[in-house]
């Protein structure tokens, strides 16, 4: 493989570097050092060329109004009709658990929006216990004590 191909593969393996390239805020030398795929100057040059080919970074912005709700007391359930979120065989529903579910609904809410929301919560130090999304809705489950802060963070992330 060429240095350029190795660099692009390493960037794809580290999406935050790709986001920094797209946003125009990347220190190419530091990124080359981090990626460690070849001679630093050659990798930095490959990063500069790659950045020119990428679309500008834009955070997901759902169209129209997004409604964000919070529901406390989520816990495991066996009732699929009551489940707010289901991942494989694990279902969470209201009923006395120690999690809070935050839902965001609206046009343009999608899995890409969920990725942005989860990254935002991570940056704020809020651990996500479960998450899921489809077109029009996303759900994150967080510790009950983090619920109010997570609600504000999700509202901010989807606006």
N, C-alpha and C. Protein backbone atom coordinates (compact mmCIF):
# COMPACT_ATOMS: atom_id res chain seq x y z
N UNK A 1 0.84 -1.19 0.00
CA UNK A 1 0.00 0.00 0.00
C UNK A 1 0.88 1.25 0.00
N UNK A 2 0.31 2.32 -0.47
CA UNK A 2 1.02 3.60 -0.47
C UNK A 2 0.80 4.31 0.86
N UNK A 3 1.62 5.32 1.10
CA UNK A 3 1.45 6.11 2.31
C UNK A 3 0.06 6.75 2.33
N UNK A 4 -0.39 7.24 1.17
CA UNK A 4 -1.71 7.86 1.10
C UNK A 4 -2.81 6.86 1.45
N UNK A 5 -2.72 5.65 0.91
CA UNK A 5 -3.74 4.63 1.19
C UNK A 5 -3.70 4.22 2.66
N UNK A 6 -2.50 4.03 3.19
CA UNK A 6 -2.37 3.68 4.61
C UNK A 6 -2.93 4.79 5.50
N UNK A 7 -2.68 6.03 5.12
CA UNK A 7 -3.16 7.17 5.89
C UNK A 7 -4.68 7.24 5.87
N UNK A 8 -5.26 7.07 4.70
CA UNK A 8 -6.73 7.12 4.59
C UNK A 8 -7.38 5.99 5.40
N UNK A 9 -6.80 4.81 5.33
CA UNK A 9 -7.33 3.68 6.10
C UNK A 9 -7.24 3.97 7.60
N UNK A 10 -6.12 4.54 8.05
CA UNK A 10 -5.95 4.87 9.46
C UNK A 10 -6.94 5.96 9.90
N UNK A 11 -7.20 6.92 9.03
CA UNK A 11 -8.18 7.96 9.36
C UNK A 11 -9.57 7.35 9.48
N UNK A 12 -9.93 6.46 8.57
CA UNK A 12 -11.25 5.81 8.65
C UNK A 12 -11.38 4.99 9.93
N UNK A 13 -10.27 4.47 10.43
CA UNK A 13 -10.29 3.69 11.68
C UNK A 13 -10.39 4.60 12.91
N UNK A 14 -10.17 5.90 12.72
CA UNK A 14 -10.22 6.88 13.81
C UNK A 14 -11.10 8.05 13.37
N UNK A 15 -12.43 7.86 13.41
CA UNK A 15 -13.34 8.86 12.85
C UNK A 15 -13.17 10.27 13.40
N UNK A 16 -12.69 10.42 14.63
CA UNK A 16 -12.52 11.76 15.16
C UNK A 16 -11.45 12.53 14.38
N UNK A 17 -10.46 11.82 13.83
CA UNK A 17 -9.45 12.49 13.00
C UNK A 17 -10.11 12.97 11.71
N UNK A 18 -10.97 12.15 11.14
CA UNK A 18 -11.69 12.54 9.92
C UNK A 18 -12.56 13.77 10.18
N UNK A 19 -13.24 13.78 11.33
CA UNK A 19 -14.06 14.95 11.68
C UNK A 19 -13.19 16.20 11.82
N UNK A 20 -12.02 16.07 12.43
CA UNK A 20 -11.11 17.21 12.58
C UNK A 20 -10.62 17.69 11.22
N UNK A 21 -10.32 16.76 10.32
CA UNK A 21 -9.91 17.14 8.96
C UNK A 21 -11.05 17.89 8.27
N UNK A 22 -12.26 17.36 8.39
CA UNK A 22 -13.42 17.99 7.74
C UNK A 22 -13.71 19.36 8.32
N UNK A 23 -13.46 19.54 9.62
CA UNK A 23 -13.73 20.81 10.28
C UNK A 23 -12.61 21.82 10.07
N UNK A 24 -11.48 21.38 9.50
CA UNK A 24 -10.36 22.28 9.26
C UNK A 24 -9.61 22.66 10.52
N UNK A 25 -9.65 21.80 11.54
CA UNK A 25 -9.01 22.12 12.82
C UNK A 25 -7.94 21.11 13.19
N UNK A 26 -7.43 20.39 12.21
CA UNK A 26 -6.48 19.32 12.47
C UNK A 26 -5.04 19.82 12.42
N UNK A 27 -4.26 19.48 13.40
CA UNK A 27 -2.82 19.68 13.37
C UNK A 27 -2.26 18.46 12.64
N UNK A 28 -1.87 18.63 11.39
CA UNK A 28 -1.47 17.51 10.54
C UNK A 28 -0.29 16.73 11.10
N UNK A 29 0.68 17.43 11.66
CA UNK A 29 1.85 16.74 12.20
C UNK A 29 1.47 15.90 13.42
N UNK A 30 0.65 16.47 14.30
CA UNK A 30 0.21 15.71 15.48
C UNK A 30 -0.65 14.52 15.06
N UNK A 31 -1.52 14.72 14.08
CA UNK A 31 -2.35 13.61 13.60
C UNK A 31 -1.49 12.52 12.97
N UNK A 32 -0.47 12.92 12.20
CA UNK A 32 0.43 11.93 11.59
C UNK A 32 1.14 11.13 12.66
N UNK A 33 1.57 11.81 13.70
CA UNK A 33 2.25 11.13 14.82
C UNK A 33 1.29 10.16 15.49
N UNK A 34 0.04 10.60 15.70
CA UNK A 34 -0.96 9.74 16.34
C UNK A 34 -1.25 8.51 15.49
N UNK A 35 -1.42 8.70 14.19
CA UNK A 35 -1.79 7.59 13.31
C UNK A 35 -0.65 6.58 13.18
N UNK A 36 0.58 7.06 13.17
CA UNK A 36 1.74 6.17 13.18
C UNK A 36 1.80 5.18 12.03
N UNK A 37 1.47 5.62 10.83
CA UNK A 37 1.45 4.68 9.69
C UNK A 37 2.62 4.87 8.74
N UNK A 38 3.53 5.76 9.08
CA UNK A 38 4.68 5.98 8.21
C UNK A 38 5.46 7.18 8.66
N UNK A 39 6.35 7.63 7.78
CA UNK A 39 7.19 8.79 8.06
C UNK A 39 6.28 10.00 8.29
N UNK A 40 6.52 10.70 9.38
CA UNK A 40 5.62 11.76 9.84
C UNK A 40 5.33 12.82 8.77
N UNK A 41 6.33 13.31 8.09
CA UNK A 41 6.11 14.37 7.10
C UNK A 41 5.30 13.86 5.91
N UNK A 42 5.54 12.62 5.49
CA UNK A 42 4.79 12.05 4.36
C UNK A 42 3.33 11.83 4.74
N UNK A 43 3.09 11.38 5.96
CA UNK A 43 1.72 11.16 6.42
C UNK A 43 1.01 12.50 6.57
N UNK A 44 1.69 13.52 7.09
CA UNK A 44 1.09 14.85 7.22
C UNK A 44 0.71 15.39 5.84
N UNK A 45 1.57 15.18 4.85
CA UNK A 45 1.25 15.63 3.49
C UNK A 45 0.04 14.86 2.94
N UNK A 46 -0.02 13.56 3.21
CA UNK A 46 -1.16 12.76 2.77
C UNK A 46 -2.45 13.23 3.45
N UNK A 47 -2.35 13.61 4.71
CA UNK A 47 -3.52 14.13 5.42
C UNK A 47 -4.01 15.44 4.80
N UNK A 48 -3.08 16.31 4.44
CA UNK A 48 -3.46 17.58 3.80
C UNK A 48 -4.21 17.32 2.49
N UNK A 49 -3.70 16.39 1.69
CA UNK A 49 -4.36 16.07 0.42
C UNK A 49 -5.73 15.43 0.66
N UNK A 50 -5.80 14.53 1.63
CA UNK A 50 -7.06 13.87 1.95
C UNK A 50 -8.10 14.88 2.41
N UNK A 51 -7.67 15.84 3.25
CA UNK A 51 -8.59 16.85 3.77
C UNK A 51 -9.22 17.66 2.64
N UNK A 52 -8.48 17.90 1.58
CA UNK A 52 -9.01 18.66 0.44
C UNK A 52 -10.15 17.92 -0.25
N UNK A 53 -10.16 16.59 -0.17
CA UNK A 53 -11.19 15.78 -0.82
C UNK A 53 -12.45 15.60 0.02
N UNK A 54 -12.38 15.94 1.29
CA UNK A 54 -13.50 15.71 2.20
C UNK A 54 -14.48 16.88 2.18
N UNK A 55 -15.75 16.56 2.36
CA UNK A 55 -16.78 17.60 2.51
C UNK A 55 -16.57 18.30 3.85
N UNK A 56 -16.94 19.57 3.91
CA UNK A 56 -16.84 20.31 5.16
C UNK A 56 -17.67 19.64 6.24
N UNK A 57 -17.21 19.73 7.48
CA UNK A 57 -17.92 19.15 8.61
C UNK A 57 -19.16 19.98 8.93
N UNK A 58 -20.26 19.28 9.09
CA UNK A 58 -21.48 19.91 9.57
C UNK A 58 -22.15 18.93 10.52
N UNK A 59 -22.41 19.36 11.75
CA UNK A 59 -23.10 18.45 12.67
C UNK A 59 -24.50 18.16 12.16
N UNK A 60 -25.06 17.03 12.53
CA UNK A 60 -26.42 16.73 12.07
C UNK A 60 -27.39 17.78 12.59
N UNK A 61 -28.24 18.23 11.71
CA UNK A 61 -29.24 19.22 12.09
C UNK A 61 -30.60 18.74 11.59
N UNK A 62 -31.36 18.10 12.48
CA UNK A 62 -32.69 17.64 12.07
C UNK A 62 -33.54 18.78 11.54
N UNK A 63 -34.36 18.45 10.56
CA UNK A 63 -35.24 19.45 9.94
C UNK A 63 -36.44 19.69 10.85
N UNK A 64 -36.81 20.92 10.98
CA UNK A 64 -37.99 21.24 11.76
C UNK A 64 -37.78 21.10 13.25
N UNK A 65 -38.88 21.00 13.94
CA UNK A 65 -38.87 20.94 15.40
C UNK A 65 -38.59 19.52 15.88
N UNK A 66 -37.72 19.40 16.86
CA UNK A 66 -37.43 18.12 17.49
C UNK A 66 -37.98 18.17 18.91
N UNK A 67 -38.72 17.17 19.26
CA UNK A 67 -39.30 17.08 20.60
C UNK A 67 -38.43 16.14 21.44
N UNK A 68 -38.01 16.61 22.62
CA UNK A 68 -37.16 15.82 23.51
C UNK A 68 -37.92 15.58 24.81
N UNK A 69 -37.98 14.31 25.23
CA UNK A 69 -38.69 13.94 26.45
C UNK A 69 -37.80 13.11 27.35
N UNK A 70 -38.13 13.11 28.63
CA UNK A 70 -37.40 12.32 29.61
C UNK A 70 -38.39 11.45 30.36
N UNK A 71 -38.01 10.19 30.57
CA UNK A 71 -38.85 9.27 31.33
C UNK A 71 -37.98 8.50 32.31
N UNK A 72 -38.20 8.72 33.61
CA UNK A 72 -37.40 8.08 34.65
C UNK A 72 -37.95 6.71 35.00
N UNK A 73 -37.12 5.93 35.65
CA UNK A 73 -37.56 4.64 36.15
C UNK A 73 -37.50 3.50 35.15
N UNK A 74 -36.60 3.59 34.18
CA UNK A 74 -36.47 2.48 33.22
C UNK A 74 -35.71 1.32 33.84
N UNK A 75 -36.17 0.13 33.52
CA UNK A 75 -35.49 -1.07 33.97
C UNK A 75 -35.81 -2.21 33.02
N UNK A 76 -35.20 -3.35 33.26
CA UNK A 76 -35.43 -4.50 32.39
C UNK A 76 -36.89 -4.94 32.41
N UNK A 77 -37.35 -5.44 31.25
CA UNK A 77 -38.71 -5.95 31.13
C UNK A 77 -38.70 -7.14 30.19
N UNK A 78 -39.75 -7.95 30.30
CA UNK A 78 -39.95 -9.06 29.36
C UNK A 78 -41.08 -8.73 28.39
N UNK A 79 -41.70 -7.56 28.54
CA UNK A 79 -42.84 -7.18 27.73
C UNK A 79 -42.41 -6.31 26.55
N UNK A 80 -42.36 -6.87 25.34
CA UNK A 80 -41.90 -6.08 24.20
C UNK A 80 -42.81 -4.89 23.89
N UNK A 81 -44.09 -4.97 24.26
CA UNK A 81 -45.01 -3.85 24.00
C UNK A 81 -44.74 -2.66 24.91
N UNK A 82 -44.14 -2.90 26.07
CA UNK A 82 -43.86 -1.82 27.01
C UNK A 82 -42.46 -1.23 26.82
N UNK A 83 -41.61 -1.92 26.08
CA UNK A 83 -40.20 -1.52 25.96
C UNK A 83 -40.05 -0.17 25.26
N UNK A 84 -39.25 0.69 25.86
CA UNK A 84 -38.90 1.97 25.26
C UNK A 84 -37.71 1.77 24.31
N UNK A 85 -36.82 0.86 24.68
CA UNK A 85 -35.67 0.54 23.84
C UNK A 85 -35.37 -0.95 23.98
N UNK A 86 -34.97 -1.55 22.87
CA UNK A 86 -34.62 -2.97 22.87
C UNK A 86 -33.33 -3.14 22.09
N UNK A 87 -32.38 -3.81 22.71
CA UNK A 87 -31.12 -4.16 22.07
C UNK A 87 -30.94 -5.65 22.23
N UNK A 88 -31.02 -6.37 21.11
CA UNK A 88 -30.99 -7.84 21.12
C UNK A 88 -32.10 -8.34 22.03
N UNK A 89 -31.76 -9.12 23.06
CA UNK A 89 -32.78 -9.67 23.95
C UNK A 89 -33.03 -8.81 25.19
N UNK A 90 -32.34 -7.69 25.31
CA UNK A 90 -32.51 -6.82 26.46
C UNK A 90 -33.49 -5.71 26.11
N UNK A 91 -34.53 -5.60 26.94
CA UNK A 91 -35.54 -4.56 26.74
C UNK A 91 -35.63 -3.72 28.01
N UNK A 92 -35.78 -2.40 27.82
CA UNK A 92 -35.94 -1.49 28.95
C UNK A 92 -37.29 -0.80 28.82
N UNK A 93 -37.99 -0.74 29.96
CA UNK A 93 -39.31 -0.11 29.99
C UNK A 93 -39.51 0.58 31.33
N UNK A 94 -40.44 1.53 31.39
CA UNK A 94 -40.76 2.16 32.67
C UNK A 94 -41.25 1.10 33.65
N UNK A 95 -40.89 1.29 34.91
CA UNK A 95 -41.37 0.34 35.90
C UNK A 95 -40.44 0.15 37.08
N UNK A 96 -39.76 1.17 37.49
CA UNK A 96 -39.00 1.08 38.73
C UNK A 96 -37.52 0.81 38.59
N UNK A 97 -36.97 0.90 37.42
CA UNK A 97 -35.52 0.73 37.26
C UNK A 97 -34.77 1.99 37.64
N UNK A 98 -33.45 1.94 37.50
CA UNK A 98 -32.63 3.08 37.90
C UNK A 98 -32.06 3.86 36.72
N UNK A 99 -32.69 3.72 35.56
CA UNK A 99 -32.26 4.46 34.37
C UNK A 99 -33.30 5.49 33.97
N UNK A 100 -32.85 6.49 33.26
CA UNK A 100 -33.73 7.50 32.68
C UNK A 100 -33.60 7.43 31.17
N UNK A 101 -34.72 7.40 30.48
CA UNK A 101 -34.72 7.39 29.03
C UNK A 101 -34.95 8.78 28.48
N UNK A 102 -34.12 9.18 27.53
CA UNK A 102 -34.28 10.45 26.85
C UNK A 102 -34.63 10.11 25.40
N UNK A 103 -35.75 10.61 24.92
CA UNK A 103 -36.14 10.38 23.52
C UNK A 103 -36.16 11.71 22.79
N UNK A 104 -35.75 11.65 21.53
CA UNK A 104 -35.85 12.82 20.64
C UNK A 104 -36.56 12.34 19.39
N UNK A 105 -37.62 13.06 19.02
CA UNK A 105 -38.40 12.69 17.84
C UNK A 105 -38.55 13.90 16.93
N UNK A 106 -38.55 13.62 15.63
CA UNK A 106 -38.75 14.69 14.66
C UNK A 106 -38.12 14.33 13.32
N UNK A 107 -38.46 15.12 12.31
CA UNK A 107 -37.91 14.91 10.98
C UNK A 107 -36.40 15.09 11.01
N UNK A 108 -35.70 14.15 10.43
CA UNK A 108 -34.25 14.24 10.35
C UNK A 108 -33.52 13.63 11.52
N UNK A 109 -34.24 13.22 12.58
CA UNK A 109 -33.59 12.50 13.66
C UNK A 109 -33.32 11.10 13.13
N UNK A 110 -32.07 10.65 13.26
CA UNK A 110 -31.68 9.38 12.67
C UNK A 110 -30.46 8.83 13.39
N UNK A 111 -29.92 7.70 12.95
CA UNK A 111 -28.74 7.14 13.62
C UNK A 111 -27.52 8.08 13.62
N UNK A 112 -27.38 8.91 12.61
CA UNK A 112 -26.27 9.88 12.62
C UNK A 112 -26.46 10.89 13.75
N UNK A 113 -27.70 11.31 13.96
CA UNK A 113 -28.01 12.20 15.08
C UNK A 113 -27.69 11.51 16.39
N UNK A 114 -28.02 10.23 16.50
CA UNK A 114 -27.72 9.47 17.71
C UNK A 114 -26.22 9.45 17.98
N UNK A 115 -25.42 9.24 16.96
CA UNK A 115 -23.97 9.23 17.14
C UNK A 115 -23.50 10.57 17.70
N UNK A 116 -24.06 11.66 17.19
CA UNK A 116 -23.71 13.00 17.67
C UNK A 116 -24.14 13.16 19.13
N UNK A 117 -25.33 12.70 19.47
CA UNK A 117 -25.84 12.79 20.84
C UNK A 117 -24.97 11.98 21.80
N UNK A 118 -24.63 10.76 21.42
CA UNK A 118 -23.80 9.91 22.29
C UNK A 118 -22.42 10.54 22.50
N UNK A 119 -21.84 11.09 21.43
CA UNK A 119 -20.54 11.76 21.56
C UNK A 119 -20.65 12.97 22.49
N UNK A 120 -21.74 13.71 22.38
CA UNK A 120 -21.95 14.87 23.25
C UNK A 120 -22.08 14.44 24.71
N UNK A 121 -22.87 13.39 24.96
CA UNK A 121 -23.02 12.90 26.32
C UNK A 121 -21.68 12.41 26.88
N UNK A 122 -20.91 11.72 26.05
CA UNK A 122 -19.59 11.26 26.47
C UNK A 122 -18.71 12.45 26.84
N UNK A 123 -18.74 13.50 26.03
CA UNK A 123 -17.94 14.70 26.31
C UNK A 123 -18.35 15.35 27.62
N UNK A 124 -19.62 15.23 27.98
CA UNK A 124 -20.14 15.80 29.22
C UNK A 124 -19.95 14.86 30.41
N UNK A 125 -19.39 13.67 30.17
CA UNK A 125 -19.15 12.72 31.25
C UNK A 125 -20.38 11.92 31.65
N UNK A 126 -21.37 11.84 30.77
CA UNK A 126 -22.59 11.09 31.04
C UNK A 126 -22.48 9.73 30.35
N UNK A 127 -22.52 8.67 31.15
CA UNK A 127 -22.43 7.32 30.61
C UNK A 127 -23.78 6.91 30.02
N UNK A 128 -23.74 6.35 28.82
CA UNK A 128 -24.95 5.87 28.16
C UNK A 128 -25.05 4.38 28.40
N UNK A 129 -26.18 3.95 29.00
CA UNK A 129 -26.38 2.54 29.30
C UNK A 129 -26.97 1.76 28.14
N UNK A 130 -27.71 2.42 27.28
CA UNK A 130 -28.30 1.80 26.09
C UNK A 130 -28.69 2.93 25.15
N UNK A 131 -28.75 2.61 23.86
CA UNK A 131 -29.13 3.62 22.88
C UNK A 131 -29.65 2.94 21.63
N UNK A 132 -30.50 3.66 20.91
CA UNK A 132 -31.00 3.15 19.64
C UNK A 132 -31.63 4.28 18.86
N UNK A 133 -31.69 4.09 17.53
CA UNK A 133 -32.30 5.11 16.68
C UNK A 133 -32.79 4.50 15.39
N UNK A 134 -33.76 5.15 14.82
CA UNK A 134 -34.26 4.86 13.49
C UNK A 134 -34.73 6.19 12.93
N UNK A 135 -35.21 6.19 11.71
CA UNK A 135 -35.66 7.46 11.15
C UNK A 135 -36.78 8.06 11.98
N UNK A 136 -36.55 9.25 12.50
CA UNK A 136 -37.57 9.97 13.24
C UNK A 136 -37.49 9.89 14.74
N UNK A 137 -36.68 8.98 15.29
CA UNK A 137 -36.63 8.85 16.75
C UNK A 137 -35.28 8.29 17.20
N UNK A 138 -34.83 8.79 18.35
CA UNK A 138 -33.66 8.20 19.01
C UNK A 138 -33.96 8.10 20.49
N UNK A 139 -33.30 7.14 21.15
CA UNK A 139 -33.47 6.92 22.58
C UNK A 139 -32.10 6.67 23.17
N UNK A 140 -31.81 7.31 24.30
CA UNK A 140 -30.63 7.00 25.10
C UNK A 140 -31.09 6.76 26.53
N UNK A 141 -30.49 5.77 27.17
CA UNK A 141 -30.79 5.48 28.57
C UNK A 141 -29.54 5.81 29.38
N UNK A 142 -29.73 6.61 30.43
CA UNK A 142 -28.64 7.05 31.28
C UNK A 142 -29.01 6.80 32.74
N UNK A 143 -28.03 6.90 33.61
CA UNK A 143 -28.28 6.77 35.04
C UNK A 143 -29.29 7.83 35.46
N UNK A 144 -30.17 7.46 36.35
CA UNK A 144 -31.24 8.37 36.78
C UNK A 144 -30.71 9.72 37.25
N UNK A 145 -29.61 9.73 37.98
CA UNK A 145 -29.05 10.99 38.48
C UNK A 145 -28.55 11.89 37.36
N UNK A 146 -28.17 11.29 36.23
CA UNK A 146 -27.69 12.07 35.09
C UNK A 146 -28.82 12.55 34.20
N UNK A 147 -30.05 12.11 34.47
CA UNK A 147 -31.18 12.41 33.60
C UNK A 147 -31.39 13.88 33.27
N UNK A 148 -31.50 14.77 34.27
CA UNK A 148 -31.76 16.18 33.96
C UNK A 148 -30.64 16.81 33.11
N UNK A 149 -29.38 16.52 33.45
CA UNK A 149 -28.28 17.06 32.65
C UNK A 149 -28.28 16.47 31.25
N UNK A 150 -28.54 15.17 31.16
CA UNK A 150 -28.58 14.51 29.85
C UNK A 150 -29.70 15.09 28.99
N UNK A 151 -30.82 15.39 29.59
CA UNK A 151 -31.93 16.00 28.85
C UNK A 151 -31.48 17.31 28.20
N UNK A 152 -30.82 18.17 28.98
CA UNK A 152 -30.35 19.45 28.44
C UNK A 152 -29.30 19.22 27.35
N UNK A 153 -28.41 18.24 27.55
CA UNK A 153 -27.38 17.95 26.57
C UNK A 153 -27.98 17.45 25.25
N UNK A 154 -28.98 16.58 25.35
CA UNK A 154 -29.63 16.06 24.14
C UNK A 154 -30.38 17.20 23.44
N UNK A 155 -31.09 18.02 24.20
CA UNK A 155 -31.78 19.15 23.59
C UNK A 155 -30.80 20.03 22.83
N UNK A 156 -29.67 20.31 23.44
CA UNK A 156 -28.67 21.16 22.79
C UNK A 156 -28.08 20.48 21.56
N UNK A 157 -27.85 19.18 21.63
CA UNK A 157 -27.23 18.46 20.53
C UNK A 157 -28.12 18.36 19.30
N UNK A 158 -29.43 18.36 19.50
CA UNK A 158 -30.34 18.21 18.35
C UNK A 158 -30.88 19.55 17.83
N UNK A 159 -30.50 20.65 18.45
CA UNK A 159 -30.98 21.96 17.99
C UNK A 159 -30.09 22.51 16.91
